[in-house]
């Protein structure tokens, strides 16, 4: 099973994206000026489009990353007598000693491959973050952090229930 993993942050501050408007009249989206950020860890299998994710309040670090791998990623993707081939970026916490020890201890179940530095185009999960922003956050106003969360969770749950919606995004990776 080939699985791409990545982390993303989604801000409550609105982002303008391509949209229709009268010439010379840029669309305006209200903002509260607050910088609440929602942090998401996610993994997607190629070519199946099977997606798992976790929302967290803390910043990304080795502990939160290993918790996601141990409690979400491996239980979801690992099958007896098969290995998970995990492809990840070069986030600093991916190289921490405790992370390397964890992967060495679980090498029967999971083998890790790191992408070259600064190569988000090689990570299939990046395409899901772009899709999520387009579907959930661009050109939208969120008056409360939980409104942003609700929008994100709805999109993530939809991707889980309908992997065919994101399979096209993953086509370059098969």
C-alpha atoms as a PDB file:
ATOM      1  CA  UNK A   1       0.000   0.000   0.000  1.00  0.00           C
ATOM      2  CA  UNK A   2       1.526   3.316  -1.086  1.00  0.00           C
ATOM      3  CA  UNK A   3       0.476   6.167   1.209  1.00  0.00           C
ATOM      4  CA  UNK A   4       1.371   9.850   0.999  1.00  0.00           C
ATOM      5  CA  UNK A   5       1.288  11.835   4.244  1.00  0.00           C
ATOM      6  CA  UNK A   6       1.318  15.582   4.816  1.00  0.00           C
ATOM      7  CA  UNK A   7       0.267  18.303   7.215  1.00  0.00           C
ATOM      8  CA  UNK A   8      -1.644  21.473   6.401  1.00  0.00           C
ATOM      9  CA  UNK A   9      -2.859  24.573   8.189  1.00  0.00           C
ATOM     10  CA  UNK A  10      -6.082  26.324   7.233  1.00  0.00           C
ATOM     11  CA  UNK A  11      -6.604  29.916   8.352  1.00  0.00           C
ATOM     12  CA  UNK A  12      -9.851  31.501   9.359  1.00  0.00           C
ATOM     13  CA  UNK A  13      -8.800  34.601   7.402  1.00  0.00           C
ATOM     14  CA  UNK A  14     -10.538  34.500   3.995  1.00  0.00           C
ATOM     15  CA  UNK A  15      -8.569  33.873   0.836  1.00  0.00           C
ATOM     16  CA  UNK A  16      -9.643  35.287  -2.471  1.00  0.00           C
ATOM     17  CA  UNK A  17      -9.541  32.903  -5.376  1.00  0.00           C
ATOM     18  CA  UNK A  18     -10.646  33.103  -8.974  1.00  0.00           C
ATOM     19  CA  UNK A  19     -14.294  33.988  -9.280  1.00  0.00           C
ATOM     20  CA  UNK A  20     -16.650  35.904 -11.533  1.00  0.00           C
ATOM     21  CA  UNK A  21     -17.204  39.594 -10.923  1.00  0.00           C
ATOM     22  CA  UNK A  22     -18.079  42.706 -12.877  1.00  0.00           C
ATOM     23  CA  UNK A  23     -15.092  44.277 -14.521  1.00  0.00           C
ATOM     24  CA  UNK A  24     -13.392  46.700 -12.148  1.00  0.00           C
ATOM     25  CA  UNK A  25     -15.323  45.459  -9.083  1.00  0.00           C
ATOM     26  CA  UNK A  26     -13.225  43.087  -7.024  1.00  0.00           C
ATOM     27  CA  UNK A  27     -15.334  40.842  -4.785  1.00  0.00           C
ATOM     28  CA  UNK A  28     -15.035  41.653  -1.097  1.00  0.00           C
ATOM     29  CA  UNK A  29     -15.191  39.126   1.678  1.00  0.00           C
ATOM     30  CA  UNK A  30     -15.522  40.367   5.261  1.00  0.00           C
ATOM     31  CA  UNK A  31     -12.879  39.384   7.780  1.00  0.00           C
ATOM     32  CA  UNK A  32     -12.541  39.569  11.535  1.00  0.00           C
ATOM     33  CA  UNK A  33      -8.781  40.076  11.311  1.00  0.00           C
ATOM     34  CA  UNK A  34      -8.185  37.076  13.560  1.00  0.00           C
ATOM     35  CA  UNK A  35      -5.616  34.480  12.629  1.00  0.00           C
ATOM     36  CA  UNK A  36      -7.140  31.311  14.006  1.00  0.00           C
ATOM     37  CA  UNK A  37      -5.554  28.346  12.269  1.00  0.00           C
ATOM     38  CA  UNK A  38      -6.785  24.771  12.084  1.00  0.00           C
ATOM     39  CA  UNK A  39      -4.113  22.110  11.767  1.00  0.00           C
ATOM     40  CA  UNK A  40      -4.724  18.880   9.885  1.00  0.00           C
ATOM     41  CA  UNK A  41      -2.637  15.750   9.406  1.00  0.00           C
ATOM     42  CA  UNK A  42      -3.693  13.652   6.450  1.00  0.00           C
ATOM     43  CA  UNK A  43      -2.755  10.606   4.414  1.00  0.00           C
ATOM     44  CA  UNK A  44      -4.018   9.279   1.098  1.00  0.00           C
ATOM     45  CA  UNK A  45      -3.397   5.958  -0.634  1.00  0.00           C
ATOM     46  CA  UNK A  46      -2.630   5.818  -4.309  1.00  0.00           C
ATOM     47  CA  UNK A  47      -4.351   4.793  -6.535  1.00  0.00           C
ATOM     48  CA  UNK A  48      -7.382   4.068  -4.332  1.00  0.00           C
ATOM     49  CA  UNK A  49      -7.942   7.590  -3.038  1.00  0.00           C
ATOM     50  CA  UNK A  50      -8.556   6.258   0.461  1.00  0.00           C
ATOM     51  CA  UNK A  51      -8.092   9.258   2.795  1.00  0.00           C
ATOM     52  CA  UNK A  52      -7.606   9.541   6.578  1.00  0.00           C
ATOM     53  CA  UNK A  53      -7.126  12.714   8.555  1.00  0.00           C
ATOM     54  CA  UNK A  54      -6.871  14.166  12.035  1.00  0.00           C
ATOM     55  CA  UNK A  55      -7.590  17.644  13.340  1.00  0.00           C
ATOM     56  CA  UNK A  56      -5.423  18.913  16.166  1.00  0.00           C
ATOM     57  CA  UNK A  57      -5.127  22.006  18.286  1.00  0.00           C
ATOM     58  CA  UNK A  58      -1.370  21.925  18.888  1.00  0.00           C
ATOM     59  CA  UNK A  59       1.405  22.683  16.466  1.00  0.00           C
ATOM     60  CA  UNK A  60       2.862  19.834  14.462  1.00  0.00           C
ATOM     61  CA  UNK A  61       5.703  18.059  16.216  1.00  0.00           C
ATOM     62  CA  UNK A  62       7.185  14.569  16.521  1.00  0.00           C
ATOM     63  CA  UNK A  63       4.665  13.547  19.188  1.00  0.00           C
ATOM     64  CA  UNK A  64       1.566  14.621  17.236  1.00  0.00           C
ATOM     65  CA  UNK A  65       2.984  13.097  14.049  1.00  0.00           C
ATOM     66  CA  UNK A  66       3.685   9.710  15.662  1.00  0.00           C
ATOM     67  CA  UNK A  67       0.291   9.758  17.321  1.00  0.00           C
ATOM     68  CA  UNK A  68      -1.334  10.200  13.900  1.00  0.00           C
ATOM     69  CA  UNK A  69       0.781   7.427  12.350  1.00  0.00           C
ATOM     70  CA  UNK A  70       0.145   5.030  15.234  1.00  0.00           C
ATOM     71  CA  UNK A  71      -3.556   5.730  15.854  1.00  0.00           C
ATOM     72  CA  UNK A  72      -4.900   6.636  12.400  1.00  0.00           C
ATOM     73  CA  UNK A  73      -2.568   5.825   9.524  1.00  0.00           C
ATOM     74  CA  UNK A  74      -1.322   2.323  10.388  1.00  0.00           C
ATOM     75  CA  UNK A  75      -4.640   0.951  11.694  1.00  0.00           C
ATOM     76  CA  UNK A  76      -6.365   2.203   8.533  1.00  0.00           C
ATOM     77  CA  UNK A  77      -3.849   1.105   5.879  1.00  0.00           C
ATOM     78  CA  UNK A  78      -1.869  -1.816   7.288  1.00  0.00           C
ATOM     79  CA  UNK A  79      -3.032  -5.291   6.304  1.00  0.00           C
ATOM     80  CA  UNK A  80      -1.523  -8.515   7.605  1.00  0.00           C
ATOM     81  CA  UNK A  81       1.527  -9.642   5.612  1.00  0.00           C
ATOM     82  CA  UNK A  82       1.552  -6.400   3.615  1.00  0.00           C
ATOM     83  CA  UNK A  83       3.641  -3.318   4.155  1.00  0.00           C
ATOM     84  CA  UNK A  84       2.712   0.328   4.098  1.00  0.00           C
ATOM     85  CA  UNK A  85       5.099   2.385   1.983  1.00  0.00           C
ATOM     86  CA  UNK A  86       4.841   5.839   3.514  1.00  0.00           C
ATOM     87  CA  UNK A  87       5.980   8.807   1.454  1.00  0.00           C
ATOM     88  CA  UNK A  88       6.486  12.001   3.427  1.00  0.00           C
ATOM     89  CA  UNK A  89       8.062  15.413   3.016  1.00  0.00           C
ATOM     90  CA  UNK A  90      11.079  16.709   4.916  1.00  0.00           C
ATOM     91  CA  UNK A  91       9.366  18.412   7.836  1.00  0.00           C
ATOM     92  CA  UNK A  92      11.897  18.794  10.636  1.00  0.00           C
ATOM     93  CA  UNK A  93       9.898  16.661  13.063  1.00  0.00           C
ATOM     94  CA  UNK A  94       9.880  13.746  10.563  1.00  0.00           C
ATOM     95  CA  UNK A  95      13.632  13.399  11.223  1.00  0.00           C
ATOM     96  CA  UNK A  96      13.582  13.573  15.014  1.00  0.00           C
ATOM     97  CA  UNK A  97      15.321  10.652  16.808  1.00  0.00           C
ATOM     98  CA  UNK A  98      12.082   9.407  18.390  1.00  0.00           C
ATOM     99  CA  UNK A  99      10.405   9.286  14.959  1.00  0.00           C
ATOM    100  CA  UNK A 100      13.322   7.370  13.441  1.00  0.00           C
ATOM    101  CA  UNK A 101      13.272   4.927  16.396  1.00  0.00           C
ATOM    102  CA  UNK A 102       9.519   4.393  15.937  1.00  0.00           C
ATOM    103  CA  UNK A 103       9.910   3.558  12.238  1.00  0.00           C
ATOM    104  CA  UNK A 104      12.889   1.275  12.935  1.00  0.00           C
ATOM    105  CA  UNK A 105      10.810  -0.580  15.546  1.00  0.00           C
ATOM    106  CA  UNK A 106       7.849  -0.974  13.140  1.00  0.00           C
ATOM    107  CA  UNK A 107       9.803  -1.689   9.956  1.00  0.00           C
ATOM    108  CA  UNK A 108       7.859  -4.948   9.427  1.00  0.00           C
ATOM    109  CA  UNK A 109       4.692  -2.889   8.963  1.00  0.00           C
ATOM    110  CA  UNK A 110       5.855   0.388   7.487  1.00  0.00           C
ATOM    111  CA  UNK A 111       8.723   1.600   5.328  1.00  0.00           C
ATOM    112  CA  UNK A 112       9.311   5.335   5.005  1.00  0.00           C
ATOM    113  CA  UNK A 113      10.533   7.301   2.001  1.00  0.00           C
ATOM    114  CA  UNK A 114      11.288  11.002   2.203  1.00  0.00           C
ATOM    115  CA  UNK A 115      10.703  13.277  -0.744  1.00  0.00           C
ATOM    116  CA  UNK A 116      13.439  15.652  -1.896  1.00  0.00           C
ATOM    117  CA  UNK A 117      13.423  19.012  -0.091  1.00  0.00           C
ATOM    118  CA  UNK A 118      11.043  21.651  -1.445  1.00  0.00           C
ATOM    119  CA  UNK A 119       9.136  19.302  -3.740  1.00  0.00           C
ATOM    120  CA  UNK A 120       5.437  19.595  -2.879  1.00  0.00           C
ATOM    121  CA  UNK A 121       4.511  18.581  -6.451  1.00  0.00           C
ATOM    122  CA  UNK A 122       5.720  15.064  -5.627  1.00  0.00           C
ATOM    123  CA  UNK A 123       3.329  14.640  -2.683  1.00  0.00           C
ATOM    124  CA  UNK A 124      -0.182  13.461  -3.591  1.00  0.00           C
ATOM    125  CA  UNK A 125      -1.586  14.785  -0.301  1.00  0.00           C
ATOM    126  CA  UNK A 126      -0.751  18.342  -1.413  1.00  0.00           C
ATOM    127  CA  UNK A 127      -3.367  17.988  -4.147  1.00  0.00           C
ATOM    128  CA  UNK A 128      -5.987  17.202  -1.513  1.00  0.00           C
ATOM    129  CA  UNK A 129      -5.102  20.336   0.421  1.00  0.00           C
ATOM    130  CA  UNK A 130      -5.517  22.414  -2.744  1.00  0.00           C
ATOM    131  CA  UNK A 131      -8.884  20.742  -3.421  1.00  0.00           C
ATOM    132  CA  UNK A 132      -9.943  21.373   0.201  1.00  0.00           C
ATOM    133  CA  UNK A 133      -9.078  25.054  -0.006  1.00  0.00           C
ATOM    134  CA  UNK A 134     -10.997  25.386  -3.250  1.00  0.00           C
ATOM    135  CA  UNK A 135     -14.050  23.558  -1.887  1.00  0.00           C
ATOM    136  CA  UNK A 136     -14.018  24.774   1.715  1.00  0.00           C
ATOM    137  CA  UNK A 137     -12.175  28.009   2.320  1.00  0.00           C
ATOM    138  CA  UNK A 138     -11.609  30.169  -0.765  1.00  0.00           C
ATOM    139  CA  UNK A 139     -13.957  33.155  -1.098  1.00  0.00           C
ATOM    140  CA  UNK A 140     -15.685  32.337   2.205  1.00  0.00           C
ATOM    141  CA  UNK A 141     -16.101  34.168   5.462  1.00  0.00           C
ATOM    142  CA  UNK A 142     -15.951  32.257   8.750  1.00  0.00           C
ATOM    143  CA  UNK A 143     -17.138  34.226  11.743  1.00  0.00           C
ATOM    144  CA  UNK A 144     -15.932  31.591  14.232  1.00  0.00           C
ATOM    145  CA  UNK A 145     -13.149  28.983  14.223  1.00  0.00           C
ATOM    146  CA  UNK A 146     -15.735  26.209  14.559  1.00  0.00           C
ATOM    147  CA  UNK A 147     -17.414  27.407  11.331  1.00  0.00           C
ATOM    148  CA  UNK A 148     -14.107  26.891   9.519  1.00  0.00           C
ATOM    149  CA  UNK A 149     -13.750  23.479  11.159  1.00  0.00           C
ATOM    150  CA  UNK A 150     -17.253  22.480  10.071  1.00  0.00           C
ATOM    151  CA  UNK A 151     -16.476  23.433   6.472  1.00  0.00           C
ATOM    152  CA  UNK A 152     -13.194  21.492   6.508  1.00  0.00           C
ATOM    153  CA  UNK A 153     -14.679  18.425   8.195  1.00  0.00           C
ATOM    154  CA  UNK A 154     -17.555  18.324   5.707  1.00  0.00           C
ATOM    155  CA  UNK A 155     -15.085  18.305   2.797  1.00  0.00           C
ATOM    156  CA  UNK A 156     -12.856  15.675   4.430  1.00  0.00           C
ATOM    157  CA  UNK A 157     -15.805  13.410   5.235  1.00  0.00           C
ATOM    158  CA  UNK A 158     -17.060  13.797   1.666  1.00  0.00           C
ATOM    159  CA  UNK A 159     -13.627  12.753   0.344  1.00  0.00           C
ATOM    160  CA  UNK A 160     -13.704   9.695   2.611  1.00  0.00           C
ATOM    161  CA  UNK A 161     -17.198   8.662   1.518  1.00  0.00           C
ATOM    162  CA  UNK A 162     -16.577   9.381  -2.184  1.00  0.00           C
ATOM    163  CA  UNK A 163     -12.931   8.638  -3.056  1.00  0.00           C
ATOM    164  CA  UNK A 164     -13.891   8.745  -6.738  1.00  0.00           C
ATOM    165  CA  UNK A 165     -14.107  12.541  -6.384  1.00  0.00           C
ATOM    166  CA  UNK A 166     -10.394  12.776  -5.662  1.00  0.00           C
ATOM    167  CA  UNK A 167      -9.056   9.899  -7.782  1.00  0.00           C
ATOM    168  CA  UNK A 168      -8.604  12.287 -10.710  1.00  0.00           C
ATOM    169  CA  UNK A 169      -6.360  14.469  -8.558  1.00  0.00           C
ATOM    170  CA  UNK A 170      -4.171  11.450  -7.833  1.00  0.00           C
ATOM    171  CA  UNK A 171      -3.882  10.190 -11.433  1.00  0.00           C
ATOM    172  CA  UNK A 172      -0.310  11.540 -11.962  1.00  0.00           C
ATOM    173  CA  UNK A 173       0.852   9.377  -9.031  1.00  0.00           C
ATOM    174  CA  UNK A 174      -0.201   5.943 -10.330  1.00  0.00           C
END
